[in-house]
C-alpha atoms as a PDB file:
ATOM      1  CA  MET A   1      -0.110  -0.360  -0.281  1.00  0.00           C
ATOM      2  CA  ALA A   2       1.406   3.434  -1.290  1.00  0.00           C
ATOM      3  CA  SER A   3       2.385   5.890   1.972  1.00  0.00           C
ATOM      4  CA  THR A   4      -0.123   9.149   1.950  1.00  0.00           C
ATOM      5  CA  ASP A   5       3.249  11.059   1.087  1.00  0.00           C
ATOM      6  CA  GLU A   6       3.357   9.394  -2.652  1.00  0.00           C
ATOM      7  CA  SER A   7       0.545   9.331  -3.116  1.00  0.00           C
ATOM      8  CA  SER A   8      -0.759  13.144  -3.023  1.00  0.00           C
ATOM      9  CA  GLY A   9       2.596  14.813  -3.876  1.00  0.00           C
ATOM     10  CA  ARG A  10       4.942  14.761  -7.353  1.00  0.00           C
ATOM     11  CA  MET A  11       7.841  13.544  -8.137  1.00  0.00           C
ATOM     12  CA  CYS A  12      10.539  16.793  -8.395  1.00  0.00           C
ATOM     13  CA  VAL A  13      11.169  17.039 -12.634  1.00  0.00           C
ATOM     14  CA  SER A  14      14.982  17.768 -11.363  1.00  0.00           C
ATOM     15  CA  CYS A  15      15.991  15.722  -8.414  1.00  0.00           C
ATOM     16  CA  GLY A  16      13.211  13.141  -8.415  1.00  0.00           C
ATOM     17  CA  ARG A  17      12.088  13.587  -4.552  1.00  0.00           C
ATOM     18  CA  SER A  18       9.305  13.867  -3.531  1.00  0.00           C
ATOM     19  CA  ILE A  19       7.479  17.174  -3.280  1.00  0.00           C
ATOM     20  CA  ALA A  20       3.549  18.118  -2.062  1.00  0.00           C
ATOM     21  CA  MET A  21       1.964  18.240  -4.813  1.00  0.00           C
ATOM     22  CA  ASP A  22       0.844  22.091  -4.494  1.00  0.00           C
ATOM     23  CA  SER A  23       3.958  23.284  -4.075  1.00  0.00           C
ATOM     24  CA  ASN A  24       6.283  25.202  -6.001  1.00  0.00           C
ATOM     25  CA  VAL A  25       9.419  25.069  -5.405  1.00  0.00           C
ATOM     26  CA  CYS A  26      11.243  21.792  -4.599  1.00  0.00           C
ATOM     27  CA  GLN A  27      11.951  21.935  -1.177  1.00  0.00           C
ATOM     28  CA  HIS A  28      14.779  19.888  -1.630  1.00  0.00           C
ATOM     29  CA  CYS A  29      16.873  21.498  -5.065  1.00  0.00           C
ATOM     30  CA  GLY A  30      15.130  24.208  -5.211  1.00  0.00           C
ATOM     31  CA  HIS A  31      13.460  23.728  -8.682  1.00  0.00           C
ATOM     32  CA  ASP A  32      11.407  26.822  -9.530  1.00  0.00           C
ATOM     33  CA  PHE A  33       7.904  24.937 -11.074  1.00  0.00           C
ATOM     34  CA  ARG A  34       6.259  28.430 -12.323  1.00  0.00           C
ATOM     35  CA  ALA A  35       9.363  29.477 -14.687  1.00  0.00           C
ATOM     36  CA  PRO A  36       9.151  28.247 -17.835  1.00  0.00           C
ATOM     37  CA  ALA A  37      10.854  24.720 -19.836  1.00  0.00           C
ATOM     38  CA  PRO A  38      13.625  26.454 -21.798  1.00  0.00           C
ATOM     39  CA  VAL A  39      12.737  26.230 -25.494  1.00  0.00           C
ATOM     40  CA  GLU A  40      15.036  23.842 -27.683  1.00  0.00           C
ATOM     41  CA  LYS A  41      16.805  25.984 -30.224  1.00  0.00           C
ATOM     42  CA  LYS A  42      15.766  25.029 -33.798  1.00  0.00           C
ATOM     43  CA  LYS A  43      18.601  24.044 -36.028  1.00  0.00           C
ATOM     44  CA  THR A  44      17.984  24.513 -39.744  1.00  0.00           C
ATOM     45  CA  ALA A  45      20.723  23.258 -42.777  1.00  0.00           C
ATOM     46  CA  ILE A  46      21.106  26.616 -43.482  1.00  0.00           C
ATOM     47  CA  PRO A  47      23.624  27.909 -41.679  1.00  0.00           C
ATOM     48  CA  VAL A  48      26.029  25.358 -42.664  1.00  0.00           C
ATOM     49  CA  ILE A  49      24.293  24.726 -46.517  1.00  0.00           C
ATOM     50  CA  GLY A  50      26.540  28.943 -46.599  1.00  0.00           C
ATOM     51  CA  GLY A  51      30.192  27.986 -44.313  1.00  0.00           C
ATOM     52  CA  VAL A  52      29.928  25.463 -47.015  1.00  0.00           C
ATOM     53  CA  LEU A  53      29.278  27.194 -49.956  1.00  0.00           C
ATOM     54  CA  ILE A  54      31.888  29.835 -48.552  1.00  0.00           C
ATOM     55  CA  ILE A  55      34.609  27.253 -48.528  1.00  0.00           C
ATOM     56  CA  ILE A  56      34.205  25.852 -51.822  1.00  0.00           C
ATOM     57  CA  ALA A  57      35.015  29.409 -52.501  1.00  0.00           C
ATOM     58  CA  GLY A  58      38.031  29.849 -50.113  1.00  0.00           C
ATOM     59  CA  PHE A  59      39.030  26.026 -51.990  1.00  0.00           C
ATOM     60  CA  MET A  60      38.850  28.291 -55.484  1.00  0.00           C
ATOM     61  CA  GLY A  61      40.849  31.122 -54.492  1.00  0.00           C
ATOM     62  CA  LEU A  62      43.788  28.364 -53.043  1.00  0.00           C
ATOM     63  CA  ALA A  63      43.612  27.437 -56.355  1.00  0.00           C
ATOM     64  CA  MET A  64      43.792  31.251 -57.910  1.00  0.00           C
ATOM     65  CA  GLY A  65      46.787  32.166 -55.573  1.00  0.00           C
ATOM     66  CA  GLY A  66      48.783  28.696 -56.594  1.00  0.00           C
ATOM     67  CA  ILE A  67      47.828  29.533 -60.485  1.00  0.00           C
ATOM     68  CA  LEU A  68      49.434  33.346 -60.261  1.00  0.00           C
ATOM     69  CA  ILE A  69      52.429  32.051 -58.074  1.00  0.00           C
ATOM     70  CA  ALA A  70      53.495  29.383 -60.210  1.00  0.00           C
ATOM     71  CA  ILE A  71      52.762  30.709 -63.571  1.00  0.00           C
ATOM     72  CA  ASP A  72      55.735  31.066 -65.880  1.00  0.00           C
ATOM     73  CA  VAL A  73      56.166  35.219 -66.862  1.00  0.00           C
ATOM     74  CA  ASP A  74      58.796  33.869 -69.236  1.00  0.00           C
ATOM     75  CA  GLU A  75      55.287  32.431 -71.255  1.00  0.00           C
ATOM     76  CA  LEU A  76      52.977  35.166 -71.349  1.00  0.00           C
ATOM     77  CA  ASP A  77      53.696  36.470 -74.688  1.00  0.00           C
ATOM     78  CA  THR A  78      52.540  32.748 -76.010  1.00  0.00           C
ATOM     79  CA  VAL A  79      48.952  34.718 -75.260  1.00  0.00           C
ATOM     80  CA  GLY A  80      48.822  37.209 -76.570  1.00  0.00           C
ATOM     81  CA  LEU A  81      51.016  39.647 -73.775  1.00  0.00           C
ATOM     82  CA  ASP A  82      53.962  41.560 -73.867  1.00  0.00           C
ATOM     83  CA  VAL A  83      56.472  42.142 -71.203  1.00  0.00           C
ATOM     84  CA  ALA A  84      59.662  42.060 -72.458  1.00  0.00           C
ATOM     85  CA  GLY A  85      61.996  44.994 -70.280  1.00  0.00           C
ATOM     86  CA  VAL A  86      59.257  44.410 -66.991  1.00  0.00           C
ATOM     87  CA  THR A  87      59.375  40.654 -66.779  1.00  0.00           C
ATOM     88  CA  ASP A  88      61.176  40.924 -63.740  1.00  0.00           C
ATOM     89  CA  MET A  89      58.707  43.409 -61.943  1.00  0.00           C
ATOM     90  CA  VAL A  90      55.158  41.200 -63.467  1.00  0.00           C
ATOM     91  CA  ASP A  91      57.009  38.197 -61.873  1.00  0.00           C
ATOM     92  CA  ASP A  92      56.712  40.042 -58.485  1.00  0.00           C
ATOM     93  CA  ILE A  93      53.856  41.711 -58.797  1.00  0.00           C
ATOM     94  CA  MET A  94      52.168  38.427 -58.806  1.00  0.00           C
ATOM     95  CA  THR A  95      53.600  36.726 -56.649  1.00  0.00           C
ATOM     96  CA  ALA A  96      52.734  39.285 -54.646  1.00  0.00           C
ATOM     97  CA  CYS A  97      48.342  38.417 -55.540  1.00  0.00           C
ATOM     98  CA  GLY A  98      49.243  35.100 -55.390  1.00  0.00           C
ATOM     99  CA  ILE A  99      50.216  35.560 -51.998  1.00  0.00           C
ATOM    100  CA  ILE A 100      47.586  38.092 -50.964  1.00  0.00           C
ATOM    101  CA  ALA A 101      44.857  35.771 -52.678  1.00  0.00           C
ATOM    102  CA  ILE A 102      46.364  32.831 -50.871  1.00  0.00           C
ATOM    103  CA  ILE A 103      45.963  34.792 -47.031  1.00  0.00           C
ATOM    104  CA  VAL A 104      42.423  36.036 -47.804  1.00  0.00           C
ATOM    105  CA  SER A 105      41.628  32.508 -48.377  1.00  0.00           C
ATOM    106  CA  ILE A 106      42.294  30.875 -45.695  1.00  0.00           C
ATOM    107  CA  ILE A 107      40.646  33.544 -44.127  1.00  0.00           C
ATOM    108  CA  VAL A 108      37.769  32.888 -45.702  1.00  0.00           C
ATOM    109  CA  LEU A 109      37.717  29.084 -45.281  1.00  0.00           C
ATOM    110  CA  LEU A 110      37.947  29.957 -41.681  1.00  0.00           C
ATOM    111  CA  GLY A 111      35.066  31.663 -42.076  1.00  0.00           C
ATOM    112  CA  GLY A 112      33.485  28.973 -44.026  1.00  0.00           C
ATOM    113  CA  PHE A 113      34.676  26.541 -40.808  1.00  0.00           C
ATOM    114  CA  PHE A 114      32.670  28.487 -38.620  1.00  0.00           C
ATOM    115  CA  GLY A 115      29.417  28.914 -39.832  1.00  0.00           C
ATOM    116  CA  VAL A 116      29.287  24.686 -41.383  1.00  0.00           C
ATOM    117  CA  MET A 117      30.020  24.396 -36.827  1.00  0.00           C
ATOM    118  CA  ARG A 118      27.376  27.766 -36.590  1.00  0.00           C
ATOM    119  CA  LYS A 119      29.783  29.265 -33.784  1.00  0.00           C
ATOM    120  CA  HIS A 120      31.584  32.873 -34.299  1.00  0.00           C
ATOM    121  CA  TRP A 121      29.080  34.736 -36.503  1.00  0.00           C
ATOM    122  CA  GLY A 122      30.812  37.562 -36.974  1.00  0.00           C
ATOM    123  CA  ILE A 123      33.685  35.232 -38.624  1.00  0.00           C
ATOM    124  CA  ALA A 124      31.726  33.560 -40.281  1.00  0.00           C
ATOM    125  CA  VAL A 125      30.445  36.795 -42.125  1.00  0.00           C
ATOM    126  CA  VAL A 126      33.652  37.931 -42.342  1.00  0.00           C
ATOM    127  CA  GLY A 127      34.622  34.626 -44.088  1.00  0.00           C
ATOM    128  CA  GLY A 128      32.019  35.253 -46.975  1.00  0.00           C
ATOM    129  CA  VAL A 129      32.455  39.464 -47.377  1.00  0.00           C
ATOM    130  CA  LEU A 130      36.327  38.071 -48.613  1.00  0.00           C
ATOM    131  CA  GLY A 131      34.751  34.806 -50.340  1.00  0.00           C
ATOM    132  CA  LEU A 132      33.166  38.508 -52.417  1.00  0.00           C
ATOM    133  CA  PHE A 133      36.730  39.111 -53.552  1.00  0.00           C
ATOM    134  CA  VAL A 134      37.838  35.517 -55.012  1.00  0.00           C
ATOM    135  CA  ILE A 135      36.895  36.082 -58.704  1.00  0.00           C
ATOM    136  CA  GLY A 136      37.569  32.372 -59.430  1.00  0.00           C
ATOM    137  CA  PRO A 137      36.284  30.708 -63.383  1.00  0.00           C
ATOM    138  CA  PHE A 138      33.352  33.224 -64.039  1.00  0.00           C
ATOM    139  CA  LEU A 139      33.342  34.489 -61.183  1.00  0.00           C
ATOM    140  CA  LEU A 140      31.901  31.582 -60.025  1.00  0.00           C
ATOM    141  CA  GLY A 141      33.871  32.064 -56.264  1.00  0.00           C
ATOM    142  CA  SER A 142      32.185  34.956 -55.630  1.00  0.00           C
ATOM    143  CA  ILE A 143      28.408  33.569 -56.297  1.00  0.00           C
ATOM    144  CA  LEU A 144      29.081  31.137 -54.262  1.00  0.00           C
ATOM    145  CA  SER A 145      30.538  33.452 -51.542  1.00  0.00           C
ATOM    146  CA  LEU A 146      27.370  35.922 -52.309  1.00  0.00           C
ATOM    147  CA  ILE A 147      24.667  32.770 -51.973  1.00  0.00           C
ATOM    148  CA  GLY A 148      26.552  31.988 -48.510  1.00  0.00           C
ATOM    149  CA  LEU A 149      27.424  35.114 -47.454  1.00  0.00           C
ATOM    150  CA  ILE A 150      23.462  35.268 -47.459  1.00  0.00           C
ATOM    151  CA  LEU A 151      22.905  32.355 -46.025  1.00  0.00           C
ATOM    152  CA  VAL A 152      24.933  32.567 -42.892  1.00  0.00           C
ATOM    153  CA  ALA A 153      23.244  36.503 -42.515  1.00  0.00           C
ATOM    154  CA  VAL A 154      19.831  35.155 -42.562  1.00  0.00           C
ATOM    155  CA  SER A 155      20.748  32.187 -40.047  1.00  0.00           C
ATOM    156  CA  ARG A 156      21.984  34.853 -37.133  1.00  0.00           C
ATOM    157  CA  LYS A 157      20.380  32.902 -34.270  1.00  0.00           C
ATOM    158  CA  GLU A 158      21.507  29.252 -34.836  1.00  0.00           C
ATOM    159  CA  PHE A 159      25.084  30.482 -34.296  1.00  0.00           C
ATOM    160  CA  GLU A 160      26.575  29.948 -30.437  1.00  0.00           C
END
């Protein structure tokens, strides 16, 4: 036969002890039954998709930076560019542009990874913005980064 304490009481959801049915606060652990239960945030795939698009743009930027560094300036005349007399200067400019593209692309990749992880929204946005400068073939890197930036921006509430 059940005791009168168990039949007229309820179990605390926090500590599991028996409390009076009309209690608003557990006398054992202090859990407040008047407070609403925390609402769990609804997570969607939007920031993940945005982060992946930004990551793709970052890899395109790394490739473009590598191409700029690897281009042999002496062979530019085969594609119709005459750089005779300024070969060293053009080579230095292309190397500098390649290094800058690689540095920017690393920041873009970092922003994309934070977008996928739903952490540090500001860094994810900065990565998306810098990804706009990753031109790529047919402006594909910039377009992917723009779409990723929009997706990350609209999913602000899902970030920690």
